[in-house]
Amino acid sequence: MLKKPFVINIITALVLVAAGLYSYLSNESRPATALIGPGLGVLLLLATPWMKKEHPVVAHIVVLLTLVFAIVSIYMAIKSTSVTDPAVMQRRILVFSVMAAACLWATLMYVLGFIEKKKARRAAGQA
């Protein structure tokens, strides 16, 4: 398991930026909503220095934003099944699924890291 949450944060942010830019650039109409993922990715990258310093408030905000975006991405992937153009439908499902998977993975890794740190603190307190 990755021991450094800031590395998980960077990986997730880069996936969001790449997937969102792919969606934006592959769509002729260039919808501004396709930039929501990259925008969140940039915010996550901006939070990285505080994640590196293990700032608890920033860490919890990052986890919450990541989880909420995962849920929204899952919803949007499901909603994309109603798009009539098969190529657009496939692209949207792919992009939202990749973003959802990255965010769910990151959330799981963050939570496992929090649990591991809590166990380590308890063990250090009892030793």
N, C-alpha and C. Protein backbone atom coordinates (compact mmCIF):
# COMPACT_ATOMS: atom_id res chain seq x y z
N MET A 1 0.85 -1.19 0.00
CA MET A 1 0.00 0.00 0.00
C MET A 1 0.88 1.24 0.00
N LEU A 2 0.46 2.26 -0.71
CA LEU A 2 1.20 3.52 -0.72
C LEU A 2 1.11 4.17 0.65
N LYS A 3 2.26 4.53 1.18
CA LYS A 3 2.31 5.12 2.52
C LYS A 3 2.20 6.64 2.49
N LYS A 4 2.27 7.23 1.30
CA LYS A 4 2.30 8.68 1.20
C LYS A 4 1.03 9.19 0.51
N PRO A 5 0.09 9.75 1.28
CA PRO A 5 -1.16 10.24 0.70
C PRO A 5 -0.94 11.31 -0.37
N PHE A 6 0.12 12.10 -0.26
CA PHE A 6 0.32 13.15 -1.25
C PHE A 6 0.64 12.56 -2.63
N VAL A 7 1.25 11.37 -2.67
CA VAL A 7 1.52 10.70 -3.95
C VAL A 7 0.20 10.23 -4.56
N ILE A 8 -0.66 9.67 -3.73
CA ILE A 8 -1.99 9.26 -4.20
C ILE A 8 -2.74 10.47 -4.74
N ASN A 9 -2.63 11.59 -4.04
CA ASN A 9 -3.28 12.82 -4.45
C ASN A 9 -2.78 13.28 -5.82
N ILE A 10 -1.48 13.23 -6.03
CA ILE A 10 -0.90 13.65 -7.31
C ILE A 10 -1.38 12.74 -8.44
N ILE A 11 -1.35 11.43 -8.21
CA ILE A 11 -1.79 10.48 -9.23
C ILE A 11 -3.25 10.73 -9.60
N THR A 12 -4.09 10.87 -8.60
CA THR A 12 -5.52 11.11 -8.83
C THR A 12 -5.73 12.41 -9.58
N ALA A 13 -5.04 13.46 -9.16
CA ALA A 13 -5.17 14.76 -9.82
C ALA A 13 -4.78 14.67 -11.29
N LEU A 14 -3.69 13.98 -11.59
CA LEU A 14 -3.24 13.86 -12.97
C LEU A 14 -4.23 13.06 -13.82
N VAL A 15 -4.83 12.03 -13.24
CA VAL A 15 -5.86 11.26 -13.96
C VAL A 15 -7.06 12.16 -14.27
N LEU A 16 -7.49 12.95 -13.29
CA LEU A 16 -8.63 13.84 -13.51
C LEU A 16 -8.33 14.88 -14.58
N VAL A 17 -7.14 15.44 -14.54
CA VAL A 17 -6.77 16.44 -15.55
C VAL A 17 -6.72 15.80 -16.93
N ALA A 18 -6.06 14.65 -17.04
CA ALA A 18 -5.92 13.99 -18.34
C ALA A 18 -7.27 13.56 -18.90
N ALA A 19 -8.09 12.91 -18.08
CA ALA A 19 -9.40 12.43 -18.55
C ALA A 19 -10.30 13.60 -18.94
N GLY A 20 -10.31 14.64 -18.13
CA GLY A 20 -11.14 15.80 -18.42
C GLY A 20 -10.70 16.54 -19.68
N LEU A 21 -9.39 16.69 -19.85
CA LEU A 21 -8.90 17.35 -21.06
C LEU A 21 -9.18 16.50 -22.30
N TYR A 22 -9.05 15.19 -22.17
CA TYR A 22 -9.40 14.30 -23.28
C TYR A 22 -10.87 14.51 -23.66
N SER A 23 -11.74 14.54 -22.66
CA SER A 23 -13.16 14.73 -22.92
C SER A 23 -13.42 16.09 -23.57
N TYR A 24 -12.77 17.11 -23.07
CA TYR A 24 -12.96 18.46 -23.60
C TYR A 24 -12.47 18.57 -25.04
N LEU A 25 -11.27 18.07 -25.29
CA LEU A 25 -10.66 18.21 -26.61
C LEU A 25 -11.27 17.29 -27.66
N SER A 26 -11.87 16.18 -27.22
CA SER A 26 -12.46 15.25 -28.19
C SER A 26 -13.91 15.61 -28.53
N ASN A 27 -14.43 16.63 -27.90
CA ASN A 27 -15.79 17.08 -28.15
C ASN A 27 -15.75 18.36 -28.97
N GLU A 28 -16.35 18.34 -30.13
CA GLU A 28 -16.34 19.50 -31.03
C GLU A 28 -16.92 20.76 -30.39
N SER A 29 -17.91 20.60 -29.52
CA SER A 29 -18.57 21.77 -28.93
C SER A 29 -17.80 22.34 -27.73
N ARG A 30 -16.76 21.67 -27.30
CA ARG A 30 -15.91 22.12 -26.19
C ARG A 30 -16.73 22.58 -24.97
N PRO A 31 -17.49 21.65 -24.37
CA PRO A 31 -18.34 22.05 -23.24
C PRO A 31 -17.51 22.42 -22.00
N ALA A 32 -17.86 23.52 -21.40
CA ALA A 32 -17.14 23.99 -20.21
C ALA A 32 -17.25 22.97 -19.07
N THR A 33 -18.34 22.21 -19.02
CA THR A 33 -18.50 21.23 -17.94
C THR A 33 -17.45 20.13 -18.01
N ALA A 34 -16.85 19.92 -19.17
CA ALA A 34 -15.79 18.91 -19.29
C ALA A 34 -14.54 19.34 -18.54
N LEU A 35 -14.48 20.61 -18.16
CA LEU A 35 -13.32 21.11 -17.43
C LEU A 35 -13.47 21.02 -15.91
N ILE A 36 -14.58 20.47 -15.45
CA ILE A 36 -14.78 20.32 -14.00
C ILE A 36 -13.76 19.35 -13.43
N GLY A 37 -13.56 18.20 -14.09
CA GLY A 37 -12.57 17.22 -13.63
C GLY A 37 -11.17 17.80 -13.58
N PRO A 38 -10.70 18.43 -14.67
CA PRO A 38 -9.39 19.07 -14.61
C PRO A 38 -9.29 20.17 -13.55
N GLY A 39 -10.39 20.89 -13.36
CA GLY A 39 -10.40 21.92 -12.32
C GLY A 39 -10.19 21.32 -10.94
N LEU A 40 -10.88 20.22 -10.68
CA LEU A 40 -10.69 19.54 -9.40
C LEU A 40 -9.28 18.99 -9.31
N GLY A 41 -8.77 18.46 -10.43
CA GLY A 41 -7.40 17.96 -10.43
C GLY A 41 -6.40 19.04 -10.07
N VAL A 42 -6.59 20.23 -10.60
CA VAL A 42 -5.70 21.35 -10.28
C VAL A 42 -5.82 21.71 -8.79
N LEU A 43 -7.05 21.73 -8.27
CA LEU A 43 -7.24 21.99 -6.83
C LEU A 43 -6.52 20.95 -5.98
N LEU A 44 -6.63 19.68 -6.38
CA LEU A 44 -5.94 18.63 -5.64
C LEU A 44 -4.42 18.83 -5.71
N LEU A 45 -3.91 19.21 -6.88
CA LEU A 45 -2.47 19.47 -6.99
C LEU A 45 -2.05 20.64 -6.11
N LEU A 46 -2.91 21.66 -6.02
CA LEU A 46 -2.60 22.80 -5.16
C LEU A 46 -2.59 22.41 -3.68
N ALA A 47 -3.34 21.39 -3.32
CA ALA A 47 -3.39 20.93 -1.93
C ALA A 47 -2.22 20.01 -1.58
N THR A 48 -1.46 19.60 -2.57
CA THR A 48 -0.37 18.63 -2.34
C THR A 48 0.66 19.08 -1.30
N PRO A 49 1.12 20.33 -1.30
CA PRO A 49 2.10 20.71 -0.27
C PRO A 49 1.59 20.49 1.16
N TRP A 50 0.30 20.76 1.38
CA TRP A 50 -0.28 20.55 2.71
C TRP A 50 -0.48 19.07 3.00
N MET A 51 -0.79 18.32 1.95
CA MET A 51 -0.90 16.86 2.12
C MET A 51 0.47 16.29 2.50
N LYS A 52 1.51 16.82 1.90
CA LYS A 52 2.87 16.36 2.18
C LYS A 52 3.23 16.63 3.64
N LYS A 53 2.74 17.75 4.17
CA LYS A 53 2.99 18.11 5.57
C LYS A 53 2.01 17.43 6.53
N GLU A 54 1.12 16.61 5.97
CA GLU A 54 0.11 15.87 6.73
C GLU A 54 -0.82 16.79 7.51
N HIS A 55 -1.23 17.87 6.88
CA HIS A 55 -2.18 18.80 7.47
C HIS A 55 -3.53 18.11 7.55
N PRO A 56 -4.08 17.88 8.76
CA PRO A 56 -5.30 17.07 8.89
C PRO A 56 -6.55 17.67 8.24
N VAL A 57 -6.73 18.98 8.33
CA VAL A 57 -7.92 19.59 7.75
C VAL A 57 -7.89 19.48 6.23
N VAL A 58 -6.75 19.80 5.64
CA VAL A 58 -6.61 19.70 4.18
C VAL A 58 -6.80 18.25 3.74
N ALA A 59 -6.22 17.32 4.48
CA ALA A 59 -6.35 15.90 4.14
C ALA A 59 -7.82 15.48 4.12
N HIS A 60 -8.57 15.90 5.12
CA HIS A 60 -9.98 15.52 5.18
C HIS A 60 -10.80 16.19 4.07
N ILE A 61 -10.46 17.43 3.75
CA ILE A 61 -11.15 18.11 2.64
C ILE A 61 -10.87 17.40 1.33
N VAL A 62 -9.62 17.01 1.11
CA VAL A 62 -9.24 16.30 -0.12
C VAL A 62 -10.00 14.98 -0.21
N VAL A 63 -10.07 14.25 0.89
CA VAL A 63 -10.79 12.98 0.89
C VAL A 63 -12.26 13.20 0.57
N LEU A 64 -12.87 14.19 1.18
CA LEU A 64 -14.29 14.48 0.94
C LEU A 64 -14.53 14.88 -0.52
N LEU A 65 -13.72 15.77 -1.05
CA LEU A 65 -13.88 16.19 -2.45
C LEU A 65 -13.70 15.01 -3.40
N THR A 66 -12.72 14.17 -3.10
CA THR A 66 -12.44 13.01 -3.95
C THR A 66 -13.62 12.03 -3.92
N LEU A 67 -14.17 11.78 -2.75
CA LEU A 67 -15.31 10.87 -2.63
C LEU A 67 -16.55 11.44 -3.33
N VAL A 68 -16.82 12.71 -3.12
CA VAL A 68 -17.98 13.33 -3.76
C VAL A 68 -17.84 13.28 -5.28
N PHE A 69 -16.64 13.57 -5.79
CA PHE A 69 -16.44 13.53 -7.24
C PHE A 69 -16.56 12.12 -7.78
N ALA A 70 -16.15 11.12 -6.99
CA ALA A 70 -16.32 9.73 -7.42
C ALA A 70 -17.81 9.41 -7.58
N ILE A 71 -18.61 9.82 -6.62
CA ILE A 71 -20.05 9.56 -6.67
C ILE A 71 -20.69 10.28 -7.86
N VAL A 72 -20.30 11.53 -8.07
CA VAL A 72 -20.83 12.30 -9.20
C VAL A 72 -20.42 11.64 -10.52
N SER A 73 -19.18 11.18 -10.61
CA SER A 73 -18.69 10.54 -11.83
C SER A 73 -19.43 9.24 -12.12
N ILE A 74 -19.72 8.47 -11.08
CA ILE A 74 -20.50 7.23 -11.27
C ILE A 74 -21.90 7.58 -11.79
N TYR A 75 -22.52 8.58 -11.17
CA TYR A 75 -23.84 9.00 -11.61
C TYR A 75 -23.81 9.45 -13.08
N MET A 76 -22.81 10.22 -13.44
CA MET A 76 -22.72 10.72 -14.82
C MET A 76 -22.44 9.58 -15.80
N ALA A 77 -21.66 8.59 -15.40
CA ALA A 77 -21.41 7.44 -16.28
C ALA A 77 -22.71 6.68 -16.53
N ILE A 78 -23.50 6.50 -15.48
CA ILE A 78 -24.79 5.81 -15.63
C ILE A 78 -25.73 6.65 -16.50
N LYS A 79 -25.76 7.94 -16.25
CA LYS A 79 -26.62 8.85 -17.02
C LYS A 79 -26.21 8.88 -18.50
N SER A 80 -24.94 8.65 -18.78
CA SER A 80 -24.44 8.68 -20.16
C SER A 80 -24.97 7.55 -21.02
N THR A 81 -25.53 6.52 -20.39
CA THR A 81 -26.07 5.40 -21.18
C THR A 81 -27.29 5.81 -21.99
N SER A 82 -27.86 6.96 -21.67
CA SER A 82 -29.05 7.41 -22.41
C SER A 82 -28.69 8.30 -23.61
N VAL A 83 -27.41 8.56 -23.83
CA VAL A 83 -26.99 9.37 -24.97
C VAL A 83 -27.22 8.56 -26.25
N THR A 84 -27.78 9.21 -27.27
CA THR A 84 -28.17 8.48 -28.49
C THR A 84 -26.99 8.16 -29.41
N ASP A 85 -26.01 9.05 -29.49
CA ASP A 85 -24.85 8.82 -30.36
C ASP A 85 -23.92 7.80 -29.68
N PRO A 86 -23.72 6.62 -30.28
CA PRO A 86 -22.91 5.58 -29.64
C PRO A 86 -21.47 6.00 -29.35
N ALA A 87 -20.86 6.77 -30.24
CA ALA A 87 -19.48 7.19 -30.02
C ALA A 87 -19.38 8.14 -28.82
N VAL A 88 -20.32 9.06 -28.75
CA VAL A 88 -20.35 10.01 -27.62
C VAL A 88 -20.64 9.27 -26.33
N MET A 89 -21.58 8.34 -26.38
CA MET A 89 -21.92 7.55 -25.20
C MET A 89 -20.70 6.80 -24.68
N GLN A 90 -20.00 6.12 -25.58
CA GLN A 90 -18.83 5.34 -25.17
C GLN A 90 -17.74 6.24 -24.58
N ARG A 91 -17.50 7.39 -25.21
CA ARG A 91 -16.48 8.31 -24.71
C ARG A 91 -16.85 8.81 -23.31
N ARG A 92 -18.11 9.19 -23.15
CA ARG A 92 -18.54 9.71 -21.84
C ARG A 92 -18.46 8.64 -20.76
N ILE A 93 -18.92 7.44 -21.08
CA ILE A 93 -18.85 6.35 -20.09
C ILE A 93 -17.39 6.06 -19.73
N LEU A 94 -16.52 6.04 -20.73
CA LEU A 94 -15.10 5.79 -20.47
C LEU A 94 -14.50 6.86 -19.57
N VAL A 95 -14.71 8.11 -19.93
CA VAL A 95 -14.11 9.21 -19.16
C VAL A 95 -14.64 9.22 -17.73
N PHE A 96 -15.95 9.13 -17.56
CA PHE A 96 -16.51 9.16 -16.20
C PHE A 96 -16.11 7.93 -15.40
N SER A 97 -16.00 6.80 -16.05
CA SER A 97 -15.58 5.58 -15.34
C SER A 97 -14.13 5.66 -14.88
N VAL A 98 -13.28 6.19 -15.73
CA VAL A 98 -11.86 6.35 -15.35
C VAL A 98 -11.74 7.32 -14.18
N MET A 99 -12.46 8.43 -14.24
CA MET A 99 -12.40 9.40 -13.14
C MET A 99 -12.98 8.81 -11.86
N ALA A 100 -14.09 8.08 -11.98
CA ALA A 100 -14.69 7.46 -10.80
C ALA A 100 -13.76 6.42 -10.19
N ALA A 101 -13.15 5.60 -11.03
CA ALA A 101 -12.24 4.57 -10.52
C ALA A 101 -11.04 5.19 -9.81
N ALA A 102 -10.48 6.25 -10.40
CA ALA A 102 -9.34 6.92 -9.77
C ALA A 102 -9.73 7.51 -8.42
N CYS A 103 -10.89 8.14 -8.36
CA CYS A 103 -11.34 8.76 -7.11
C CYS A 103 -11.70 7.72 -6.05
N LEU A 104 -12.33 6.63 -6.47
CA LEU A 104 -12.65 5.57 -5.50
C LEU A 104 -11.39 4.93 -4.97
N TRP A 105 -10.42 4.67 -5.86
CA TRP A 105 -9.14 4.10 -5.43
C TRP A 105 -8.47 5.04 -4.43
N ALA A 106 -8.42 6.33 -4.76
CA ALA A 106 -7.78 7.30 -3.88
C ALA A 106 -8.48 7.36 -2.52
N THR A 107 -9.80 7.38 -2.54
CA THR A 107 -10.55 7.44 -1.28
C THR A 107 -10.25 6.21 -0.43
N LEU A 108 -10.25 5.04 -1.05
CA LEU A 108 -9.93 3.81 -0.32
C LEU A 108 -8.53 3.88 0.28
N MET A 109 -7.56 4.33 -0.51
CA MET A 109 -6.18 4.42 -0.02
C MET A 109 -6.06 5.44 1.12
N TYR A 110 -6.77 6.56 1.01
CA TYR A 110 -6.75 7.56 2.09
C TYR A 110 -7.30 6.97 3.38
N VAL A 111 -8.45 6.32 3.27
CA VAL A 111 -9.09 5.75 4.46
C VAL A 111 -8.21 4.68 5.08
N LEU A 112 -7.66 3.80 4.26
CA LEU A 112 -6.75 2.77 4.79
C LEU A 112 -5.54 3.41 5.46
N GLY A 113 -5.04 4.50 4.90
CA GLY A 113 -3.92 5.22 5.52
C GLY A 113 -4.31 5.83 6.85
N PHE A 114 -5.52 6.40 6.92
CA PHE A 114 -5.99 6.97 8.19
C PHE A 114 -6.09 5.88 9.26
N ILE A 115 -6.63 4.74 8.88
CA ILE A 115 -6.78 3.62 9.83
C ILE A 115 -5.40 3.15 10.30
N GLU A 116 -4.48 3.03 9.36
CA GLU A 116 -3.12 2.59 9.69
C GLU A 116 -2.44 3.56 10.66
N LYS A 117 -2.59 4.86 10.42
CA LYS A 117 -1.99 5.85 11.31
C LYS A 117 -2.61 5.80 12.70
N LYS A 118 -3.92 5.59 12.74
CA LYS A 118 -4.60 5.53 14.03
C LYS A 118 -4.11 4.31 14.83
N LYS A 119 -3.96 3.18 14.16
CA LYS A 119 -3.43 1.98 14.83
C LYS A 119 -2.02 2.21 15.32
N ALA A 120 -1.21 2.88 14.51
CA ALA A 120 0.18 3.15 14.90
C ALA A 120 0.22 4.08 16.12
N ARG A 121 -0.66 5.07 16.14
CA ARG A 121 -0.71 5.98 17.31
C ARG A 121 -1.12 5.24 18.57
N ARG A 122 -2.13 4.36 18.43
CA ARG A 122 -2.56 3.57 19.59
C ARG A 122 -1.46 2.66 20.08
N ALA A 123 -0.76 2.02 19.15
CA ALA A 123 0.33 1.11 19.52
C ALA A 123 1.46 1.88 20.21
N ALA A 124 1.76 3.08 19.72
CA ALA A 124 2.82 3.89 20.32
C ALA A 124 2.42 4.37 21.71
N GLY A 125 1.14 4.62 21.90
CA GLY A 125 0.65 5.07 23.19
C GLY A 125 0.64 3.96 24.21
N GLN A 126 0.49 2.72 23.79
CA GLN A 126 0.45 1.58 24.70
C GLN A 126 1.84 1.02 24.98
N ALA A 127 2.79 1.31 24.09
CA ALA A 127 4.12 0.72 24.23
C ALA A 127 4.93 1.38 25.30
